[in-house]
Amino acid sequence: MKGFMQWFKSSSKMKRWIFLILVGILLACYGLAKILVMKEISFLEVGEVVAVFVAGFLAIIIGLICLNKRTLEVLIESTDERMENKKNVNVKSLIFNKTVYDKGPNIVVIGGGTGLNTVLSGLKQYTNNLTAIVTVSDYGEAVSNSRRELQTMPLGDIKDSIISLASKEEQVDRLFNYEFESGKLRGLNFSDIYFLAMKGINGNFEDSIIKSNEVINMIGKVIPVTLDEMGIVAELDNGYIVKEKSRIADVVSEKITKINRILLNPTNCRPAPGVIETIKNADCIIIGPGSLYTNVIPNLLVSGVTKAIKESTAIKVYISNIMTEPGQTDNYSVSDHLNAIIEHCGNGVVDYCIYDTGEIIPEFIKKYNMQGQDIVDQDIEKVKGIRFLQRNLSMIKDDMIRHDPSLVASSIIELICDDLKYQDKQNDPQYLMLNTKLREEKRINKIKKDMAKKAKKQGTSAKNQKQWKTKSKFSDKYSDRIASIREADKKAKAKAEGRTKSKNGNRKTKTQKTKNNQELRAQMLEKLKNSNLK
């Protein structure tokens, strides 16, 4: 009630728009009432009633728009503590207001590899309270010349996470992956030089990574899961032990077996400073996607990490992989991934599982099938105590099936918004910001899809254009798949026609040869007859 009464303060500038809405309602009601009580009505009276009703309707619309605009401006005023002049606030600044994002949900993402970086790229559009807890597990593996020369830690996954969280992602990517080609620095990678220099300034790698946020202008922060030398050991179903992380997939394929469990070496790896506290303070914890046995589960096996996740009141979400991984998750389903996590960590680590719809163009799946991969089967009935959310998460990038960063992020934010609704926090600034941003992203994505469809239409023939205009919802949804199948059919037809032509050519050649042989025989017989007569 106290918050409601603040709307009527002179500083809020709300009363004028509320008054305009009330005037509009009165005018609209007057117009309707006049029609109802009149027995006869002239043309002029009709015009007067319509004019009054339209004026009232417009007053209501304008009042609602201006009231919502002013509400957003009040939101900015109440959340941005650094603003010197709060009286001249523009609602457009809400989109670019850093403080609003600073007060966004505290999200922790645990994992490694491209899957982790995909999630980070999408979520940084919604909040600055973003932390990546990353695997450091390449000890004892093949070392690059740059790392060998500079004696740096295996920070490949950490480097990629920093790139994903950078505000200028493309530029930082090119900078960190740059390899010098001449002079004394020839063969050295810039990221290795950078981390070594940061260690020299700050005294240790942990501070170097955390303080990279200030140097690179990152959105969020990156923390290594441990600073100990962490090795990954796999115990296979047949009892065989694989001590080299890079050889796990090859040995599994050679022995025609599967992974029974994953161990850390040493088993008592300590979490890096800040890891446990970050997990405990999280509003949402994301696990995956990524290599199940080498990027996801190893993080959870570090001492204290699983316990902190279980004790946290945060929403715990697992993002399922779209495709299986040869030598690690052959023939795995969604439930197999989750059961592997539960077997290693126990229950209580995952509350929700978001998995893909599986609607992928068949031709791309065939490419993966040739490499021993397939779509992760969606048998969700085999796991109890976890809520499953099916969402469209996939995209095709560079002829590869990947998680779409914006689709993954929007699915997570929708889940957080639903949780805030459940807590009756619809008026919370965090909910308002997330919900507004989510709707805006959906609108932009819809516009992009429509533009892509228009571009496709312009590139087709007049006949195809007619087909596009009359197509059903099914063909609209599966247009990419249908086009791909048609293209495959054309190629198959062309190959078949080529084979037929070659066969016909061979037959003609054989017929010609037979004819020539018969002519030669006839000539030989004629010569023999002539010689006998002589």
Protein backbone atom coordinates (compact mmCIF):
# COMPACT_ATOMS: atom_id res chain seq x y z
CA MET A 1 0.00 0.00 0.00
CA LYS A 2 2.88 2.32 0.86
CA GLY A 3 4.46 1.68 -2.54
CA PHE A 4 1.11 2.33 -4.26
CA MET A 5 0.70 5.73 -2.54
CA GLN A 6 4.14 6.82 -3.82
CA TRP A 7 2.59 7.00 -7.31
CA PHE A 8 0.61 10.05 -6.18
CA LYS A 9 3.62 12.09 -5.05
CA SER A 10 4.30 15.24 -7.10
CA SER A 11 7.82 14.00 -7.92
CA SER A 12 6.51 10.79 -9.49
CA LYS A 13 4.58 12.64 -12.28
CA MET A 14 2.05 9.80 -12.37
CA LYS A 15 -1.16 11.67 -11.41
CA ARG A 16 -1.51 13.50 -14.75
CA TRP A 17 -1.57 10.25 -16.74
CA ILE A 18 -3.91 8.54 -14.28
CA PHE A 19 -6.22 11.55 -14.58
CA LEU A 20 -6.04 11.39 -18.41
CA ILE A 21 -7.01 7.70 -18.33
CA LEU A 22 -9.99 8.46 -16.06
CA VAL A 23 -11.14 11.28 -18.38
CA GLY A 24 -10.86 8.89 -21.33
CA ILE A 25 -12.98 6.26 -19.55
CA LEU A 26 -15.65 8.89 -18.71
CA LEU A 27 -15.80 10.13 -22.33
CA ALA A 28 -15.99 6.61 -23.74
CA CYS A 29 -18.75 5.66 -21.25
CA TYR A 30 -20.66 8.89 -22.02
CA GLY A 31 -20.59 8.11 -25.75
CA LEU A 32 -21.92 4.58 -25.20
CA ALA A 33 -24.56 5.73 -22.70
CA LYS A 34 -25.89 8.41 -25.05
CA ILE A 35 -26.51 5.83 -27.76
CA LEU A 36 -28.31 3.52 -25.34
CA VAL A 37 -30.76 6.17 -24.00
CA MET A 38 -31.65 7.80 -27.34
CA LYS A 39 -34.81 6.62 -29.09
CA GLU A 40 -34.06 8.50 -32.29
CA ILE A 41 -30.74 9.81 -33.47
CA SER A 42 -29.78 12.14 -36.31
CA PHE A 43 -26.70 12.07 -38.49
CA LEU A 44 -25.11 15.00 -36.61
CA GLU A 45 -25.77 13.33 -33.25
CA VAL A 46 -24.10 10.14 -34.54
CA GLY A 47 -21.03 12.17 -35.47
CA GLU A 48 -20.98 13.82 -32.04
CA VAL A 49 -21.23 10.47 -30.20
CA VAL A 50 -18.50 8.89 -32.35
CA ALA A 51 -16.21 11.90 -31.81
CA VAL A 52 -16.69 11.75 -28.01
CA PHE A 53 -16.09 7.97 -27.94
CA VAL A 54 -12.95 8.19 -30.13
CA ALA A 55 -11.58 11.07 -28.01
CA GLY A 56 -12.13 9.00 -24.86
CA PHE A 57 -10.54 5.90 -26.40
CA LEU A 58 -7.47 7.87 -27.54
CA ALA A 59 -7.15 9.46 -24.09
CA ILE A 60 -7.09 5.99 -22.51
CA ILE A 61 -4.43 4.72 -24.96
CA ILE A 62 -2.18 7.79 -24.60
CA GLY A 63 -2.56 7.72 -20.81
CA LEU A 64 -1.58 4.03 -20.61
CA ILE A 65 1.46 4.50 -22.88
CA CYS A 66 2.72 7.53 -20.96
CA LEU A 67 2.03 5.85 -17.60
CA ASN A 68 4.10 2.80 -18.60
CA LYS A 69 6.87 5.05 -19.93
CA ARG A 70 6.95 6.98 -16.68
CA THR A 71 6.96 3.72 -14.68
CA LEU A 72 10.12 2.62 -16.50
CA GLU A 73 11.71 6.02 -15.86
CA VAL A 74 10.93 5.69 -12.15
CA LEU A 75 12.53 2.23 -12.29
CA ILE A 76 15.74 3.77 -13.64
CA GLU A 77 15.67 6.52 -11.03
CA SER A 78 15.30 4.01 -8.21
CA THR A 79 18.01 1.62 -9.44
CA ASP A 80 20.72 3.94 -10.77
CA GLU A 81 22.49 5.36 -7.74
CA ARG A 82 25.19 7.09 -9.82
CA MET A 83 22.84 9.42 -11.66
CA GLU A 84 23.39 13.07 -10.71
CA ASN A 85 20.18 14.43 -12.24
CA LYS A 86 17.29 12.01 -11.73
CA LYS A 87 14.66 14.46 -12.95
CA ASN A 88 15.64 14.28 -16.61
CA VAL A 89 15.63 10.53 -17.21
CA ASN A 90 14.96 9.10 -20.66
CA VAL A 91 13.30 5.69 -20.82
CA LYS A 92 15.65 4.70 -23.67
CA SER A 93 18.54 4.73 -21.21
CA LEU A 94 17.03 1.63 -19.54
CA ILE A 95 18.48 -0.54 -22.32
CA PHE A 96 21.99 0.84 -21.85
CA ASN A 97 21.85 1.36 -18.08
CA LYS A 98 24.69 -0.64 -16.56
CA THR A 99 23.43 -0.46 -13.00
CA VAL A 100 20.19 -2.23 -13.92
CA TYR A 101 22.23 -5.12 -15.34
CA ASP A 102 24.49 -5.08 -12.27
CA LYS A 103 21.38 -5.81 -10.22
CA GLY A 104 20.36 -8.66 -12.53
CA PRO A 105 20.24 -12.30 -11.37
CA ASN A 106 23.46 -13.82 -10.04
CA ILE A 107 24.11 -16.69 -12.48
CA VAL A 108 26.95 -19.22 -12.14
CA VAL A 109 27.87 -21.41 -15.13
CA ILE A 110 29.98 -24.54 -14.47
CA GLY A 111 31.75 -26.44 -17.26
CA GLY A 112 34.29 -26.04 -20.02
CA GLY A 113 34.74 -26.11 -23.78
CA THR A 114 32.53 -24.59 -26.47
CA GLY A 115 29.29 -25.46 -24.62
CA LEU A 116 30.19 -23.26 -21.65
CA ASN A 117 31.21 -20.38 -23.91
CA THR A 118 27.92 -20.60 -25.81
CA VAL A 119 25.92 -20.15 -22.59
CA LEU A 120 28.13 -17.25 -21.47
CA SER A 121 27.76 -15.43 -24.82
CA GLY A 122 23.97 -15.54 -24.52
CA LEU A 123 23.59 -14.74 -20.82
CA LYS A 124 25.84 -11.66 -20.86
CA GLN A 125 23.01 -9.89 -22.73
CA TYR A 126 20.82 -10.12 -19.62
CA THR A 127 23.00 -9.65 -16.54
CA ASN A 128 26.45 -8.54 -15.40
CA ASN A 129 26.30 -10.84 -12.36
CA LEU A 130 27.70 -13.73 -14.36
CA THR A 131 30.45 -16.09 -13.18
CA ALA A 132 32.10 -18.91 -15.15
CA ILE A 133 33.67 -21.71 -13.08
CA VAL A 134 35.98 -23.39 -15.57
CA THR A 135 37.84 -26.70 -15.83
CA VAL A 136 41.65 -26.66 -15.69
CA SER A 137 42.49 -30.27 -16.59
CA ASP A 138 45.08 -30.38 -19.37
CA TYR A 139 48.04 -31.17 -17.10
CA GLY A 140 50.27 -33.84 -18.60
CA GLU A 141 48.67 -33.47 -22.04
CA ALA A 142 50.41 -32.39 -25.24
CA VAL A 143 51.84 -28.91 -24.66
CA SER A 144 52.11 -26.21 -27.33
CA ASN A 145 55.49 -24.66 -28.10
CA SER A 146 54.27 -21.39 -26.64
CA ARG A 147 53.25 -22.96 -23.31
CA ARG A 148 56.47 -25.00 -23.14
CA GLU A 149 58.58 -21.90 -23.75
CA LEU A 150 56.75 -19.71 -21.20
CA GLN A 151 55.95 -22.46 -18.65
CA THR A 152 52.31 -21.37 -18.27
CA MET A 153 49.31 -23.29 -16.89
CA PRO A 154 46.82 -25.03 -19.24
CA LEU A 155 44.45 -22.07 -19.48
CA GLY A 156 42.82 -22.81 -22.85
CA ASP A 157 39.26 -23.12 -21.47
CA ILE A 158 39.74 -20.07 -19.24
CA LYS A 159 41.00 -18.04 -22.19
CA ASP A 160 37.94 -19.01 -24.27
CA SER A 161 35.59 -18.08 -21.40
CA ILE A 162 37.23 -14.66 -21.04
CA ILE A 163 36.74 -14.14 -24.78
CA SER A 164 33.05 -15.11 -24.52
CA LEU A 165 32.47 -12.61 -21.69
CA ALA A 166 34.36 -9.76 -23.35
CA SER A 167 32.23 -6.81 -24.44
CA LYS A 168 34.21 -6.73 -27.72
CA GLU A 169 34.23 -10.49 -28.24
CA GLU A 170 35.52 -10.58 -31.82
CA GLN A 171 38.45 -8.23 -31.17
CA VAL A 172 39.54 -10.03 -27.97
CA ASP A 173 39.27 -13.39 -29.78
CA ARG A 174 41.65 -12.23 -32.51
CA LEU A 175 44.02 -10.72 -29.93
CA PHE A 176 44.18 -13.72 -27.56
CA ASN A 177 44.63 -16.25 -30.38
CA TYR A 178 47.27 -14.21 -32.19
CA GLU A 179 50.58 -16.02 -32.71
CA PHE A 180 53.68 -13.97 -33.41
CA GLU A 181 55.36 -14.82 -36.73
CA SER A 182 58.70 -13.01 -36.53
CA GLY A 183 61.38 -11.79 -34.16
CA LYS A 184 62.16 -13.16 -30.71
CA LEU A 185 58.48 -13.74 -30.03
CA ARG A 186 58.02 -16.01 -33.05
CA GLY A 187 55.77 -18.99 -32.24
CA LEU A 188 54.50 -17.48 -28.97
CA ASN A 189 50.78 -16.97 -28.37
CA PHE A 190 49.61 -13.59 -27.06
CA SER A 191 47.30 -15.13 -24.43
CA ASP A 192 50.22 -17.06 -22.88
CA ILE A 193 52.30 -13.86 -22.73
CA TYR A 194 49.32 -11.96 -21.26
CA PHE A 195 48.66 -14.48 -18.47
CA LEU A 196 52.37 -14.68 -17.63
CA ALA A 197 52.59 -10.88 -17.42
CA MET A 198 49.44 -10.71 -15.26
CA LYS A 199 50.93 -13.34 -12.94
CA GLY A 200 54.09 -11.25 -12.61
CA ILE A 201 52.00 -8.18 -11.70
CA ASN A 202 49.51 -9.85 -9.34
CA GLY A 203 51.66 -12.64 -7.91
CA ASN A 204 49.43 -15.62 -8.86
CA PHE A 205 47.28 -16.94 -11.70
CA GLU A 206 44.03 -16.73 -9.73
CA ASP A 207 44.23 -12.96 -9.20
CA SER A 208 45.45 -12.58 -12.78
CA ILE A 209 42.31 -14.26 -14.12
CA ILE A 210 39.90 -12.36 -11.83
CA LYS A 211 41.52 -8.98 -12.52
CA SER A 212 41.27 -9.61 -16.26
CA ASN A 213 37.70 -8.33 -15.81
CA GLU A 214 39.05 -4.79 -15.35
CA VAL A 215 41.70 -5.04 -18.05
CA ILE A 216 39.55 -6.55 -20.83
CA ASN A 217 36.19 -4.98 -19.86
CA MET A 218 34.49 -8.33 -19.32
CA ILE A 219 30.82 -8.76 -18.49
CA GLY A 220 31.06 -10.97 -15.41
CA LYS A 221 34.09 -12.92 -14.25
CA VAL A 222 35.94 -16.20 -14.74
CA ILE A 223 37.22 -18.42 -11.90
CA PRO A 224 39.26 -21.64 -12.32
CA VAL A 225 37.58 -24.50 -10.45
CA THR A 226 40.92 -25.36 -8.82
CA LEU A 227 44.54 -24.17 -8.84
CA ASP A 228 45.85 -27.69 -8.10
CA GLU A 229 47.25 -29.82 -10.90
CA MET A 230 44.08 -31.71 -11.75
CA GLY A 231 44.30 -34.85 -13.89
CA ILE A 232 41.29 -36.78 -15.18
CA VAL A 233 41.33 -40.59 -14.90
CA ALA A 234 38.68 -42.83 -16.51
CA GLU A 235 37.73 -46.29 -15.25
CA LEU A 236 36.14 -48.30 -18.05
CA ASP A 237 33.47 -51.02 -17.76
CA ASN A 238 36.06 -53.73 -18.43
CA GLY A 239 38.23 -52.51 -15.53
CA TYR A 240 40.80 -50.78 -17.75
CA ILE A 241 42.17 -47.48 -16.37
CA VAL A 242 42.98 -44.55 -18.68
CA LYS A 243 45.16 -41.89 -17.06
CA GLU A 244 45.48 -39.52 -20.01
CA LYS A 245 42.46 -37.31 -20.66
CA SER A 246 43.20 -37.02 -24.39
CA ARG A 247 43.28 -40.83 -24.83
CA ILE A 248 39.96 -41.64 -23.12
CA ALA A 249 37.80 -41.51 -26.25
CA ASP A 250 40.30 -43.52 -28.36
CA VAL A 251 40.75 -46.26 -25.74
CA VAL A 252 36.98 -46.59 -25.22
CA SER A 253 36.54 -47.05 -28.99
CA GLU A 254 39.44 -49.53 -29.25
CA LYS A 255 38.29 -51.66 -26.30
CA ILE A 256 34.64 -51.54 -27.47
CA THR A 257 33.48 -50.63 -23.97
CA LYS A 258 32.18 -47.55 -22.17
CA ILE A 259 33.16 -45.29 -19.27
CA ASN A 260 32.14 -46.59 -15.85
CA ARG A 261 33.27 -43.58 -13.82
CA ILE A 262 35.59 -40.59 -13.77
CA LEU A 263 38.16 -39.86 -11.03
CA LEU A 264 40.40 -36.91 -10.28
CA ASN A 265 44.12 -37.28 -9.71
CA PRO A 266 44.76 -36.27 -6.97
CA THR A 267 41.32 -37.02 -5.56
CA ASN A 268 41.44 -34.19 -2.99
CA CYS A 269 41.75 -31.23 -5.39
CA ARG A 270 40.93 -28.05 -3.48
CA PRO A 271 38.55 -25.46 -4.95
CA ALA A 272 40.10 -22.15 -5.96
CA PRO A 273 39.37 -19.20 -3.63
CA GLY A 274 35.93 -17.75 -4.30
CA VAL A 275 34.42 -20.85 -5.96
CA ILE A 276 32.35 -22.10 -2.99
CA GLU A 277 31.20 -18.59 -1.99
CA THR A 278 30.12 -17.83 -5.56
CA ILE A 279 28.05 -21.02 -5.75
CA LYS A 280 26.38 -20.34 -2.37
CA ASN A 281 25.40 -16.78 -3.40
CA ALA A 282 24.02 -17.75 -6.82
CA ASP A 283 20.41 -17.25 -7.90
CA CYS A 284 20.81 -19.76 -10.72
CA ILE A 285 23.46 -22.46 -11.33
CA ILE A 286 23.93 -23.76 -14.89
CA ILE A 287 25.73 -27.06 -15.53
CA GLY A 288 26.78 -27.87 -19.11
CA PRO A 289 26.48 -28.28 -21.99
CA GLY A 290 29.84 -29.84 -22.83
CA SER A 291 31.84 -33.07 -22.79
CA LEU A 292 30.13 -34.99 -19.98
CA TYR A 293 33.14 -36.89 -18.63
CA THR A 294 35.92 -34.38 -19.28
CA ASN A 295 34.34 -30.92 -18.87
CA VAL A 296 31.17 -31.28 -16.77
CA ILE A 297 31.59 -34.00 -14.14
CA PRO A 298 35.26 -33.21 -13.24
CA ASN A 299 34.23 -29.74 -12.00
CA LEU A 300 31.64 -31.33 -9.70
CA LEU A 301 34.22 -33.75 -8.23
CA VAL A 302 36.45 -30.97 -6.84
CA SER A 303 36.22 -30.99 -3.03
CA GLY A 304 33.25 -29.02 -1.71
CA VAL A 305 31.72 -28.08 -5.09
CA THR A 306 28.92 -30.68 -5.13
CA LYS A 307 28.10 -30.01 -1.46
CA ALA A 308 27.87 -26.25 -2.11
CA ILE A 309 25.53 -26.82 -5.08
CA LYS A 310 23.24 -29.09 -3.04
CA GLU A 311 23.09 -26.61 -0.15
CA SER A 312 22.46 -23.62 -2.44
CA THR A 313 18.91 -22.28 -2.73
CA ALA A 314 19.56 -21.38 -6.39
CA ILE A 315 17.72 -22.83 -9.39
CA LYS A 316 19.95 -25.69 -10.63
CA VAL A 317 19.74 -26.28 -14.39
CA TYR A 318 21.44 -28.83 -16.63
CA ILE A 319 21.65 -27.98 -20.35
CA SER A 320 21.69 -31.27 -22.23
CA ASN A 321 23.99 -31.90 -25.20
CA ILE A 322 22.33 -32.09 -28.62
CA MET A 323 24.64 -34.74 -30.11
CA THR A 324 26.47 -37.71 -28.59
CA GLU A 325 30.27 -37.69 -28.37
CA PRO A 326 32.31 -40.60 -29.80
CA GLY A 327 34.19 -42.54 -27.13
CA GLN A 328 32.41 -40.74 -24.29
CA THR A 329 28.64 -40.80 -24.68
CA ASP A 330 27.97 -43.25 -27.52
CA ASN A 331 24.22 -44.06 -27.71
CA TYR A 332 23.57 -41.88 -24.65
CA SER A 333 20.13 -40.40 -24.03
CA VAL A 334 19.17 -37.37 -21.93
CA SER A 335 18.52 -39.68 -18.97
CA ASP A 336 21.94 -41.36 -19.40
CA HIS A 337 23.66 -37.95 -19.11
CA LEU A 338 21.70 -37.11 -15.96
CA ASN A 339 22.17 -40.55 -14.41
CA ALA A 340 25.94 -40.24 -14.94
CA ILE A 341 25.92 -36.95 -12.99
CA ILE A 342 23.73 -38.46 -10.25
CA GLU A 343 25.97 -41.55 -9.96
CA HIS A 344 29.04 -39.34 -9.48
CA CYS A 345 27.49 -36.61 -7.29
CA GLY A 346 24.20 -37.91 -5.88
CA ASN A 347 20.75 -36.32 -6.04
CA GLY A 348 20.10 -32.61 -5.53
CA VAL A 349 22.59 -31.29 -8.08
CA VAL A 350 20.01 -30.74 -10.85
CA ASP A 351 16.45 -29.36 -10.48
CA TYR A 352 15.69 -28.68 -14.16
CA CYS A 353 16.94 -30.14 -17.43
CA ILE A 354 16.56 -28.15 -20.65
CA TYR A 355 16.92 -30.29 -23.78
CA ASP A 356 16.58 -29.65 -27.52
CA THR A 357 13.53 -30.53 -29.61
CA GLY A 358 15.73 -32.58 -31.97
CA GLU A 359 14.29 -30.89 -35.08
CA ILE A 360 17.50 -30.80 -37.13
CA ILE A 361 17.96 -31.07 -40.90
CA PRO A 362 18.59 -34.81 -41.66
CA GLU A 363 21.52 -34.11 -43.98
CA PHE A 364 23.54 -32.62 -41.11
CA ILE A 365 22.69 -35.59 -38.89
CA LYS A 366 24.03 -37.92 -41.61
CA LYS A 367 27.37 -36.11 -41.49
CA TYR A 368 27.53 -36.72 -37.74
CA ASN A 369 26.43 -40.36 -38.18
CA MET A 370 29.45 -40.94 -40.43
CA GLN A 371 31.65 -39.78 -37.53
CA GLY A 372 29.93 -42.10 -35.06
CA GLN A 373 27.64 -39.45 -33.53
CA ASP A 374 23.88 -39.22 -33.27
CA ILE A 375 21.15 -37.07 -31.71
CA VAL A 376 20.87 -37.50 -27.93
CA ASP A 377 17.72 -39.59 -27.42
CA GLN A 378 14.98 -37.83 -25.43
CA ASP A 379 13.89 -40.60 -23.04
CA ILE A 380 13.14 -38.41 -20.03
CA GLU A 381 10.99 -40.98 -18.21
CA LYS A 382 13.97 -42.81 -16.71
CA VAL A 383 14.92 -40.00 -14.30
CA LYS A 384 12.78 -38.99 -11.33
CA GLY A 385 12.84 -35.77 -9.31
CA ILE A 386 13.95 -33.52 -12.20
CA ARG A 387 11.69 -31.23 -14.24
CA PHE A 388 12.25 -31.35 -17.99
CA LEU A 389 11.83 -28.41 -20.37
CA GLN A 390 11.91 -29.06 -24.12
CA ARG A 391 13.09 -26.01 -26.05
CA ASN A 392 14.39 -25.18 -29.52
CA LEU A 393 18.13 -24.76 -28.77
CA SER A 394 19.97 -25.77 -31.94
CA MET A 395 21.39 -23.90 -34.89
CA ILE A 396 23.69 -24.70 -37.83
CA LYS A 397 26.99 -22.82 -37.77
CA ASP A 398 29.82 -23.58 -40.22
CA ASP A 399 28.03 -26.84 -41.16
CA MET A 400 28.09 -27.87 -37.49
CA ILE A 401 25.17 -28.44 -35.10
CA ARG A 402 25.59 -26.04 -32.21
CA HIS A 403 23.61 -24.58 -29.31
CA ASP A 404 22.23 -21.16 -30.20
CA PRO A 405 23.50 -18.70 -27.51
CA SER A 406 20.40 -16.47 -27.63
CA LEU A 407 17.95 -19.42 -27.51
CA VAL A 408 19.77 -21.08 -24.59
CA ALA A 409 19.95 -17.78 -22.68
CA SER A 410 16.27 -16.93 -23.26
CA SER A 411 15.26 -20.41 -22.03
CA ILE A 412 17.24 -19.87 -18.80
CA ILE A 413 15.89 -16.34 -18.28
CA GLU A 414 12.30 -17.55 -18.82
CA LEU A 415 12.89 -20.08 -16.06
CA ILE A 416 14.21 -17.36 -13.72
CA CYS A 417 11.25 -15.10 -14.54
CA ASP A 418 8.81 -17.94 -13.80
CA ASP A 419 10.53 -18.47 -10.44
CA LEU A 420 10.21 -14.74 -9.63
CA LYS A 421 6.51 -14.91 -10.57
CA TYR A 422 6.10 -17.89 -8.23
CA GLN A 423 7.63 -15.73 -5.44
CA ASP A 424 5.13 -12.96 -6.36
CA LYS A 425 7.91 -10.58 -7.45
CA GLN A 426 6.33 -9.23 -10.65
CA ASN A 427 7.03 -5.66 -9.47
CA ASP A 428 10.66 -6.41 -8.62
CA PRO A 429 13.09 -4.33 -10.78
CA GLN A 430 14.98 -7.53 -11.62
CA TYR A 431 11.84 -9.19 -13.01
CA LEU A 432 10.79 -6.06 -14.93
CA MET A 433 14.22 -5.73 -16.54
CA LEU A 434 14.52 -9.42 -17.46
CA ASN A 435 10.97 -9.68 -18.77
CA THR A 436 11.32 -6.51 -20.87
CA LYS A 437 14.66 -7.64 -22.30
CA LEU A 438 13.29 -11.13 -23.00
CA ARG A 439 10.32 -9.78 -24.95
CA GLU A 440 12.61 -7.43 -26.89
CA GLU A 441 14.98 -10.28 -27.82
CA LYS A 442 12.04 -12.42 -29.00
CA ARG A 443 10.75 -9.54 -31.11
CA ILE A 444 14.19 -8.99 -32.68
CA ASN A 445 14.62 -12.72 -33.38
CA LYS A 446 11.19 -12.83 -35.03
CA ILE A 447 12.13 -9.87 -37.25
CA LYS A 448 15.41 -11.61 -38.21
CA LYS A 449 13.55 -14.81 -39.12
CA ASP A 450 11.03 -12.87 -41.20
CA MET A 451 13.84 -11.07 -43.03
CA ALA A 452 15.60 -14.37 -43.71
CA LYS A 453 12.38 -15.83 -45.13
CA LYS A 454 11.89 -12.78 -47.36
CA ALA A 455 15.46 -13.12 -48.64
CA LYS A 456 14.77 -16.77 -49.47
CA LYS A 457 11.60 -15.83 -51.30
CA GLN A 458 13.42 -13.23 -53.40
CA GLY A 459 15.99 -15.83 -54.42
CA THR A 460 13.42 -18.34 -55.67
CA SER A 461 11.65 -18.51 -58.99
CA ALA A 462 8.11 -17.21 -59.61
CA LYS A 463 6.77 -20.74 -59.31
CA ASN A 464 8.44 -21.28 -55.97
CA GLN A 465 7.23 -17.89 -54.77
CA LYS A 466 3.62 -19.01 -55.33
CA GLN A 467 4.33 -22.13 -53.32
CA TRP A 468 5.74 -20.01 -50.46
CA LYS A 469 2.60 -17.86 -50.37
CA THR A 470 0.26 -20.86 -50.08
CA LYS A 471 2.39 -23.03 -47.80
CA SER A 472 1.05 -24.46 -44.56
CA LYS A 473 2.31 -23.97 -41.01
CA PHE A 474 4.10 -27.31 -41.31
CA SER A 475 6.08 -26.26 -44.38
CA ASP A 476 6.82 -22.90 -42.75
CA LYS A 477 8.29 -24.64 -39.70
CA TYR A 478 10.27 -27.22 -41.66
CA SER A 479 11.18 -25.09 -44.70
CA ASP A 480 14.95 -25.56 -44.23
CA ARG A 481 14.57 -29.30 -43.87
CA ILE A 482 12.27 -29.57 -46.92
CA ALA A 483 14.66 -27.49 -49.05
CA SER A 484 17.59 -29.66 -47.97
CA ILE A 485 15.71 -32.89 -48.76
CA ARG A 486 14.72 -31.55 -52.19
CA GLU A 487 18.33 -30.65 -52.90
CA ALA A 488 19.43 -34.15 -51.87
CA ASP A 489 16.74 -35.69 -54.11
CA LYS A 490 17.95 -33.60 -57.08
CA LYS A 491 21.52 -34.77 -56.54
CA ALA A 492 20.41 -38.41 -56.23
CA LYS A 493 18.31 -38.06 -59.39
CA ALA A 494 21.24 -36.50 -61.28
CA LYS A 495 23.51 -39.37 -60.20
CA ALA A 496 20.91 -41.95 -61.29
CA GLU A 497 20.55 -40.26 -64.69
CA GLY A 498 24.33 -40.22 -65.06
CA ARG A 499 24.51 -43.94 -64.33
CA THR A 500 21.70 -44.65 -66.83
CA LYS A 501 23.50 -42.65 -69.51
CA SER A 502 26.76 -44.44 -68.86
CA LYS A 503 24.97 -47.83 -69.02
CA ASN A 504 23.26 -46.87 -72.29
CA GLY A 505 26.61 -45.70 -73.62
CA ASN A 506 28.20 -49.00 -72.68
CA ARG A 507 25.36 -50.92 -74.36
CA LYS A 508 25.74 -48.88 -77.53
CA THR A 509 29.47 -49.53 -77.50
CA LYS A 510 28.91 -53.27 -77.05
CA THR A 511 26.31 -53.30 -79.86
CA GLN A 512 28.69 -51.45 -82.17
CA LYS A 513 31.53 -53.86 -81.35
CA THR A 514 29.25 -56.88 -82.05
CA LYS A 515 28.20 -55.35 -85.36
CA ASN A 516 31.80 -54.67 -86.35
CA ASN A 517 32.78 -58.25 -85.44
CA GLN A 518 29.94 -59.64 -87.55
CA GLU A 519 31.04 -57.52 -90.54
CA LEU A 520 34.63 -58.75 -90.16
CA ARG A 521 33.46 -62.37 -90.06
CA ALA A 522 31.37 -61.87 -93.19
CA GLN A 523 34.37 -60.37 -95.01
CA MET A 524 36.63 -63.25 -93.91
CA LEU A 525 34.10 -65.85 -95.12
CA GLU A 526 33.77 -64.05 -98.46
CA LYS A 527 37.54 -64.12 -98.92
CA LEU A 528 37.71 -67.82 -98.08
CA LYS A 529 34.95 -68.62 -100.61
CA ASN A 530 36.75 -66.69 -103.33
CA SER A 531 40.07 -68.44 -102.60
CA ASN A 532 38.39 -71.89 -102.71
CA LEU A 533 36.79 -71.10 -106.07
CA LYS A 534 40.17 -70.17 -107.52
